[in-house]
N, C-alpha and C. Protein backbone atom coordinates (compact mmCIF):
# COMPACT_ATOMS: atom_id res chain seq x y z
N MET A 1 0.82 -1.19 0.00
CA MET A 1 0.00 0.00 0.00
C MET A 1 0.86 1.26 0.00
N LEU A 2 1.94 1.27 0.76
CA LEU A 2 2.81 2.44 0.79
C LEU A 2 3.41 2.74 -0.58
N VAL A 3 3.77 1.69 -1.30
CA VAL A 3 4.37 1.90 -2.63
C VAL A 3 3.37 2.56 -3.56
N ALA A 4 2.13 2.11 -3.53
CA ALA A 4 1.10 2.70 -4.39
C ALA A 4 0.88 4.17 -4.03
N GLU A 5 0.85 4.47 -2.75
CA GLU A 5 0.69 5.86 -2.32
C GLU A 5 1.88 6.71 -2.74
N LEU A 6 3.07 6.14 -2.63
CA LEU A 6 4.28 6.86 -3.02
C LEU A 6 4.27 7.16 -4.52
N VAL A 7 3.89 6.19 -5.32
CA VAL A 7 3.80 6.40 -6.78
C VAL A 7 2.76 7.46 -7.09
N GLY A 8 1.62 7.41 -6.42
CA GLY A 8 0.59 8.42 -6.64
C GLY A 8 1.07 9.81 -6.27
N LEU A 9 1.80 9.90 -5.17
CA LEU A 9 2.33 11.19 -4.74
C LEU A 9 3.36 11.71 -5.74
N LEU A 10 4.21 10.84 -6.24
CA LEU A 10 5.21 11.25 -7.24
C LEU A 10 4.53 11.71 -8.52
N ASN A 11 3.47 11.02 -8.93
CA ASN A 11 2.73 11.44 -10.12
C ASN A 11 2.12 12.82 -9.90
N ASP A 12 1.55 13.04 -8.73
CA ASP A 12 0.95 14.34 -8.43
C ASP A 12 1.99 15.46 -8.38
N ALA A 13 3.21 15.13 -7.99
CA ALA A 13 4.27 16.14 -7.93
C ALA A 13 4.54 16.75 -9.30
N GLU A 14 4.35 15.94 -10.34
CA GLU A 14 4.58 16.44 -11.70
C GLU A 14 3.61 17.55 -12.07
N HIS A 15 2.44 17.57 -11.43
CA HIS A 15 1.39 18.53 -11.77
C HIS A 15 1.17 19.57 -10.67
N TYR A 16 2.08 19.62 -9.71
CA TYR A 16 1.92 20.48 -8.54
C TYR A 16 1.68 21.94 -8.92
N LEU A 17 2.49 22.48 -9.77
CA LEU A 17 2.39 23.90 -10.12
C LEU A 17 1.12 24.24 -10.89
N MET A 18 0.56 23.26 -11.58
CA MET A 18 -0.65 23.51 -12.37
C MET A 18 -1.92 23.30 -11.55
N GLY A 19 -1.79 22.80 -10.32
CA GLY A 19 -2.95 22.52 -9.49
C GLY A 19 -3.55 23.78 -8.89
N THR A 20 -4.76 23.62 -8.40
CA THR A 20 -5.42 24.71 -7.68
C THR A 20 -4.77 24.84 -6.30
N PRO A 21 -4.99 25.95 -5.63
CA PRO A 21 -4.43 26.07 -4.27
C PRO A 21 -4.87 24.92 -3.36
N ASP A 22 -6.13 24.49 -3.45
CA ASP A 22 -6.59 23.37 -2.64
C ASP A 22 -5.85 22.08 -3.00
N GLN A 23 -5.59 21.87 -4.28
CA GLN A 23 -4.86 20.67 -4.71
C GLN A 23 -3.42 20.69 -4.22
N ARG A 24 -2.79 21.86 -4.27
CA ARG A 24 -1.41 21.97 -3.79
C ARG A 24 -1.33 21.75 -2.29
N LEU A 25 -2.28 22.31 -1.56
CA LEU A 25 -2.32 22.12 -0.11
C LEU A 25 -2.56 20.65 0.23
N ALA A 26 -3.48 20.01 -0.46
CA ALA A 26 -3.75 18.59 -0.22
C ALA A 26 -2.51 17.75 -0.52
N TYR A 27 -1.77 18.12 -1.56
CA TYR A 27 -0.53 17.41 -1.89
C TYR A 27 0.48 17.52 -0.75
N LEU A 28 0.68 18.73 -0.24
CA LEU A 28 1.64 18.93 0.85
C LEU A 28 1.25 18.13 2.09
N GLU A 29 -0.04 18.10 2.39
CA GLU A 29 -0.50 17.35 3.55
C GLU A 29 -0.36 15.84 3.34
N ARG A 30 -0.65 15.37 2.13
CA ARG A 30 -0.46 13.94 1.82
C ARG A 30 1.01 13.56 1.92
N ARG A 31 1.87 14.44 1.44
CA ARG A 31 3.30 14.17 1.48
C ARG A 31 3.78 14.01 2.92
N ALA A 32 3.36 14.91 3.78
CA ALA A 32 3.76 14.84 5.19
C ALA A 32 3.26 13.54 5.83
N LYS A 33 2.01 13.22 5.58
CA LYS A 33 1.43 12.00 6.16
C LYS A 33 2.16 10.76 5.67
N LEU A 34 2.46 10.71 4.37
CA LEU A 34 3.15 9.54 3.81
C LEU A 34 4.57 9.43 4.34
N LEU A 35 5.26 10.54 4.48
CA LEU A 35 6.62 10.49 5.04
C LEU A 35 6.61 9.94 6.47
N HIS A 36 5.64 10.35 7.26
CA HIS A 36 5.55 9.80 8.62
C HIS A 36 5.29 8.30 8.57
N ARG A 37 4.42 7.86 7.67
CA ARG A 37 4.13 6.42 7.55
C ARG A 37 5.36 5.66 7.09
N LEU A 38 6.14 6.24 6.18
CA LEU A 38 7.37 5.58 5.73
C LEU A 38 8.38 5.46 6.86
N MET A 39 8.50 6.51 7.67
CA MET A 39 9.42 6.45 8.81
C MET A 39 8.97 5.37 9.80
N ASP A 40 7.65 5.28 10.02
CA ASP A 40 7.12 4.24 10.91
C ASP A 40 7.41 2.85 10.36
N ALA A 41 7.21 2.68 9.06
CA ALA A 41 7.38 1.36 8.43
C ALA A 41 8.84 0.92 8.41
N THR A 42 9.74 1.87 8.20
CA THR A 42 11.16 1.50 8.11
C THR A 42 11.87 1.56 9.45
N GLY A 43 11.26 2.25 10.41
CA GLY A 43 11.90 2.40 11.71
C GLY A 43 13.09 3.34 11.69
N ASP A 44 13.20 4.13 10.63
CA ASP A 44 14.34 5.04 10.47
C ASP A 44 14.07 6.36 11.18
N GLU A 45 14.20 6.34 12.49
CA GLU A 45 13.91 7.54 13.28
C GLU A 45 14.92 8.66 13.02
N SER A 46 16.09 8.33 12.51
CA SER A 46 17.08 9.37 12.24
C SER A 46 16.63 10.29 11.10
N SER A 47 15.66 9.84 10.30
CA SER A 47 15.14 10.66 9.20
C SER A 47 13.78 11.26 9.52
N ARG A 48 13.32 11.12 10.75
CA ARG A 48 12.00 11.62 11.13
C ARG A 48 11.91 13.13 10.90
N TYR A 49 13.03 13.84 10.98
CA TYR A 49 13.01 15.29 10.78
C TYR A 49 12.49 15.65 9.39
N LEU A 50 12.69 14.77 8.41
CA LEU A 50 12.17 15.04 7.06
C LEU A 50 10.65 15.05 7.06
N ALA A 51 10.06 14.10 7.76
CA ALA A 51 8.61 14.05 7.86
C ALA A 51 8.08 15.24 8.65
N GLN A 52 8.78 15.60 9.72
CA GLN A 52 8.34 16.74 10.52
C GLN A 52 8.46 18.04 9.73
N ASP A 53 9.50 18.18 8.93
CA ASP A 53 9.66 19.36 8.09
C ASP A 53 8.52 19.45 7.08
N ALA A 54 8.15 18.33 6.48
CA ALA A 54 7.05 18.31 5.52
C ALA A 54 5.74 18.70 6.21
N GLU A 55 5.55 18.21 7.44
CA GLU A 55 4.35 18.56 8.20
C GLU A 55 4.33 20.05 8.53
N ASP A 56 5.47 20.60 8.92
CA ASP A 56 5.56 22.03 9.22
C ASP A 56 5.28 22.87 7.99
N ARG A 57 5.79 22.45 6.84
CA ARG A 57 5.55 23.19 5.59
C ARG A 57 4.07 23.16 5.21
N ALA A 58 3.44 22.01 5.39
CA ALA A 58 2.01 21.90 5.09
C ALA A 58 1.20 22.79 6.02
N ALA A 59 1.55 22.81 7.30
CA ALA A 59 0.84 23.65 8.26
C ALA A 59 1.02 25.13 7.93
N ALA A 60 2.22 25.52 7.54
CA ALA A 60 2.48 26.91 7.17
C ALA A 60 1.70 27.29 5.91
N ALA A 61 1.64 26.38 4.95
CA ALA A 61 0.88 26.64 3.72
C ALA A 61 -0.60 26.79 4.03
N ARG A 62 -1.12 25.94 4.91
CA ARG A 62 -2.54 26.03 5.29
C ARG A 62 -2.81 27.35 6.01
N ALA A 63 -1.95 27.74 6.93
CA ALA A 63 -2.14 29.00 7.66
C ALA A 63 -2.10 30.18 6.69
N GLY A 64 -1.18 30.15 5.74
CA GLY A 64 -1.10 31.22 4.75
C GLY A 64 -2.32 31.28 3.87
N ALA A 65 -2.81 30.12 3.45
CA ALA A 65 -4.00 30.07 2.59
C ALA A 65 -5.23 30.56 3.35
N GLU A 66 -5.34 30.20 4.62
CA GLU A 66 -6.48 30.65 5.42
C GLU A 66 -6.42 32.16 5.65
N ALA A 67 -5.24 32.69 5.91
CA ALA A 67 -5.09 34.13 6.12
C ALA A 67 -5.42 34.90 4.84
N LEU A 68 -4.94 34.41 3.72
CA LEU A 68 -5.22 35.07 2.44
C LEU A 68 -6.71 35.02 2.12
N ALA A 69 -7.34 33.89 2.39
CA ALA A 69 -8.78 33.77 2.13
C ALA A 69 -9.56 34.75 3.00
N ALA A 70 -9.18 34.87 4.26
CA ALA A 70 -9.88 35.80 5.15
C ALA A 70 -9.67 37.25 4.71
N GLU A 71 -8.47 37.56 4.27
CA GLU A 71 -8.15 38.93 3.84
C GLU A 71 -8.88 39.30 2.56
N CYS A 72 -8.98 38.35 1.64
CA CYS A 72 -9.58 38.63 0.33
C CYS A 72 -11.06 38.30 0.27
N GLY A 73 -11.58 37.67 1.30
CA GLY A 73 -12.98 37.27 1.28
C GLY A 73 -13.23 36.05 0.41
N ASP A 74 -12.20 35.31 0.12
CA ASP A 74 -12.33 34.09 -0.69
C ASP A 74 -12.73 32.92 0.20
N PRO A 75 -13.18 31.82 -0.42
CA PRO A 75 -13.48 30.63 0.37
C PRO A 75 -12.22 30.10 1.04
N HIS A 76 -12.40 29.57 2.24
CA HIS A 76 -11.27 28.99 2.96
C HIS A 76 -10.84 27.69 2.28
N PRO A 77 -9.61 27.27 2.50
CA PRO A 77 -9.14 26.02 1.90
C PRO A 77 -10.01 24.84 2.35
N ALA A 78 -10.02 23.82 1.53
CA ALA A 78 -10.76 22.60 1.87
C ALA A 78 -10.22 22.04 3.18
N PRO A 79 -11.08 21.39 3.96
CA PRO A 79 -10.59 20.79 5.21
C PRO A 79 -9.51 19.75 4.94
N ARG A 80 -8.69 19.51 5.95
CA ARG A 80 -7.65 18.48 5.84
C ARG A 80 -8.27 17.15 5.50
N GLY A 81 -7.56 16.40 4.68
CA GLY A 81 -8.02 15.06 4.33
C GLY A 81 -7.87 14.11 5.49
N PRO A 82 -8.43 12.92 5.34
CA PRO A 82 -8.36 11.93 6.43
C PRO A 82 -6.96 11.44 6.69
């Protein structure tokens, strides 16, 4: 299952710049979640910082998107995925 998710994430990376803001945010959140799952599966705690960095970047992107939406009166970003 992890391999299929990884391939899907890599495919989505090719289209990242062409995606909508919601699609880009969902990609960043999926990436963080998958990196944490990979660290759990491999037991490679020395690389956990990579997953945490991805999570921090996704959180910063969400905060920025929410602030911009509030400032411009646009719809807020889609809720976080499962």
